[in-house]
Amino acid sequence: MNKTELIEHVADQAHLSKAQTQAALQALLETIVQKVADGDKVILIGFGTFDSKVRSAREGRNPKTGDAIDIPAATVPVFSVGKSFRPAVNK
């Protein structure tokens, strides 16, 4: 399912226009991205938690040449699945 299909499905389920649903979804996604970028957690009970973590610097290998390369530390987004989401997928 892509974003357009998601908007259509949610609009039908919530009895909203596609424009209203698109605006709400866009606002939700932008808020999640901004809050995680600011270092906050976004917790949606039963669905999951959006957070960030620091990945430490490490040594890697260039897959083409096999040469060692230094990979710098980075802050990356992470998602942890909620308790009711996992069993819904694992039927």
Protein backbone atom coordinates (compact mmCIF):
# COMPACT_ATOMS: atom_id res chain seq x y z
CA MET A 1 0.00 0.00 0.00
CA ASN A 2 1.40 3.38 -0.93
CA LYS A 3 0.57 6.78 0.56
CA THR A 4 -2.21 7.54 -1.93
CA GLU A 5 -3.90 4.20 -1.27
CA LEU A 6 -3.56 4.75 2.49
CA ILE A 7 -5.21 8.17 2.20
CA GLU A 8 -8.10 6.71 0.18
CA HIS A 9 -8.63 3.87 2.67
CA VAL A 10 -8.52 6.13 5.75
CA ALA A 11 -10.82 8.68 4.07
CA ASP A 12 -13.38 5.92 3.44
CA GLN A 13 -13.08 4.53 6.98
CA ALA A 14 -13.32 7.92 8.70
CA HIS A 15 -15.91 9.39 6.30
CA LEU A 16 -13.62 12.32 5.49
CA SER A 17 -12.60 13.88 2.21
CA LYS A 18 -9.33 12.79 0.68
CA ALA A 19 -8.02 16.35 1.07
CA GLN A 20 -8.80 16.39 4.81
CA THR A 21 -7.24 12.96 5.27
CA GLN A 22 -4.13 13.94 3.31
CA ALA A 23 -3.70 17.11 5.40
CA ALA A 24 -4.13 15.17 8.66
CA LEU A 25 -1.71 12.42 7.59
CA GLN A 26 0.87 14.96 6.44
CA ALA A 27 0.59 16.86 9.75
CA LEU A 28 0.94 13.59 11.70
CA LEU A 29 4.05 12.50 9.79
CA GLU A 30 5.69 15.92 10.01
CA THR A 31 5.03 16.04 13.76
CA ILE A 32 6.52 12.59 14.32
CA VAL A 33 9.62 13.46 12.28
CA GLN A 34 10.10 16.80 14.05
CA LYS A 35 9.65 15.38 17.56
CA VAL A 36 12.04 12.46 16.94
CA ALA A 37 14.55 14.88 15.37
CA ASP A 38 14.28 17.00 18.54
CA GLY A 39 15.16 13.95 20.64
CA ASP A 40 11.65 13.21 21.91
CA LYS A 41 9.84 9.86 21.85
CA VAL A 42 6.47 9.57 20.14
CA ILE A 43 4.51 6.79 21.85
CA LEU A 44 1.31 5.47 20.29
CA ILE A 45 -0.03 2.97 22.82
CA GLY A 46 -0.70 -0.39 21.19
CA PHE A 47 0.92 0.64 17.89
CA GLY A 48 4.53 1.45 18.70
CA THR A 49 7.16 3.98 19.66
CA PHE A 50 9.16 6.26 17.38
CA ASP A 51 12.52 7.23 18.88
CA SER A 52 16.12 7.95 17.94
CA LYS A 53 19.36 6.35 19.03
CA VAL A 54 23.03 7.07 18.57
CA ARG A 55 24.90 4.53 16.50
CA SER A 56 28.57 4.59 17.49
CA ALA A 57 31.43 5.00 15.05
CA ARG A 58 32.77 1.76 13.65
CA GLU A 59 34.99 0.28 11.00
CA GLY A 60 33.37 -1.14 7.90
CA ARG A 61 34.48 -2.65 4.61
CA ASN A 62 34.04 -1.39 1.09
CA PRO A 63 32.16 -4.31 -0.53
CA LYS A 64 33.79 -3.71 -3.92
CA THR A 65 37.41 -3.47 -2.84
CA GLY A 66 37.41 -4.94 0.66
CA ASP A 67 39.27 -1.87 1.96
CA ALA A 68 38.59 -0.79 5.55
CA ILE A 69 36.60 2.43 5.91
CA ASP A 70 35.64 4.46 8.96
CA ILE A 71 31.90 4.88 9.45
CA PRO A 72 31.17 7.93 11.63
CA ALA A 73 28.75 7.97 14.55
CA ALA A 74 25.19 8.88 13.60
CA THR A 75 21.82 9.47 15.19
CA VAL A 76 19.24 7.24 13.53
CA PRO A 77 15.46 6.87 13.85
CA VAL A 78 14.11 3.63 15.35
CA PHE A 79 10.63 2.14 15.69
CA SER A 80 9.59 -0.34 18.37
CA VAL A 81 6.44 -2.33 17.72
CA GLY A 82 3.61 -2.11 20.27
CA LYS A 83 2.13 -5.09 22.11
CA SER A 84 -1.12 -5.30 20.16
CA PHE A 85 0.52 -4.64 16.76
CA ARG A 86 2.86 -7.65 16.86
CA PRO A 87 0.19 -10.37 17.36
CA ALA A 88 -2.04 -8.75 14.73
CA VAL A 89 0.72 -9.27 12.16
CA ASN A 90 1.77 -12.70 13.47
CA LYS A 91 -1.55 -14.52 12.93
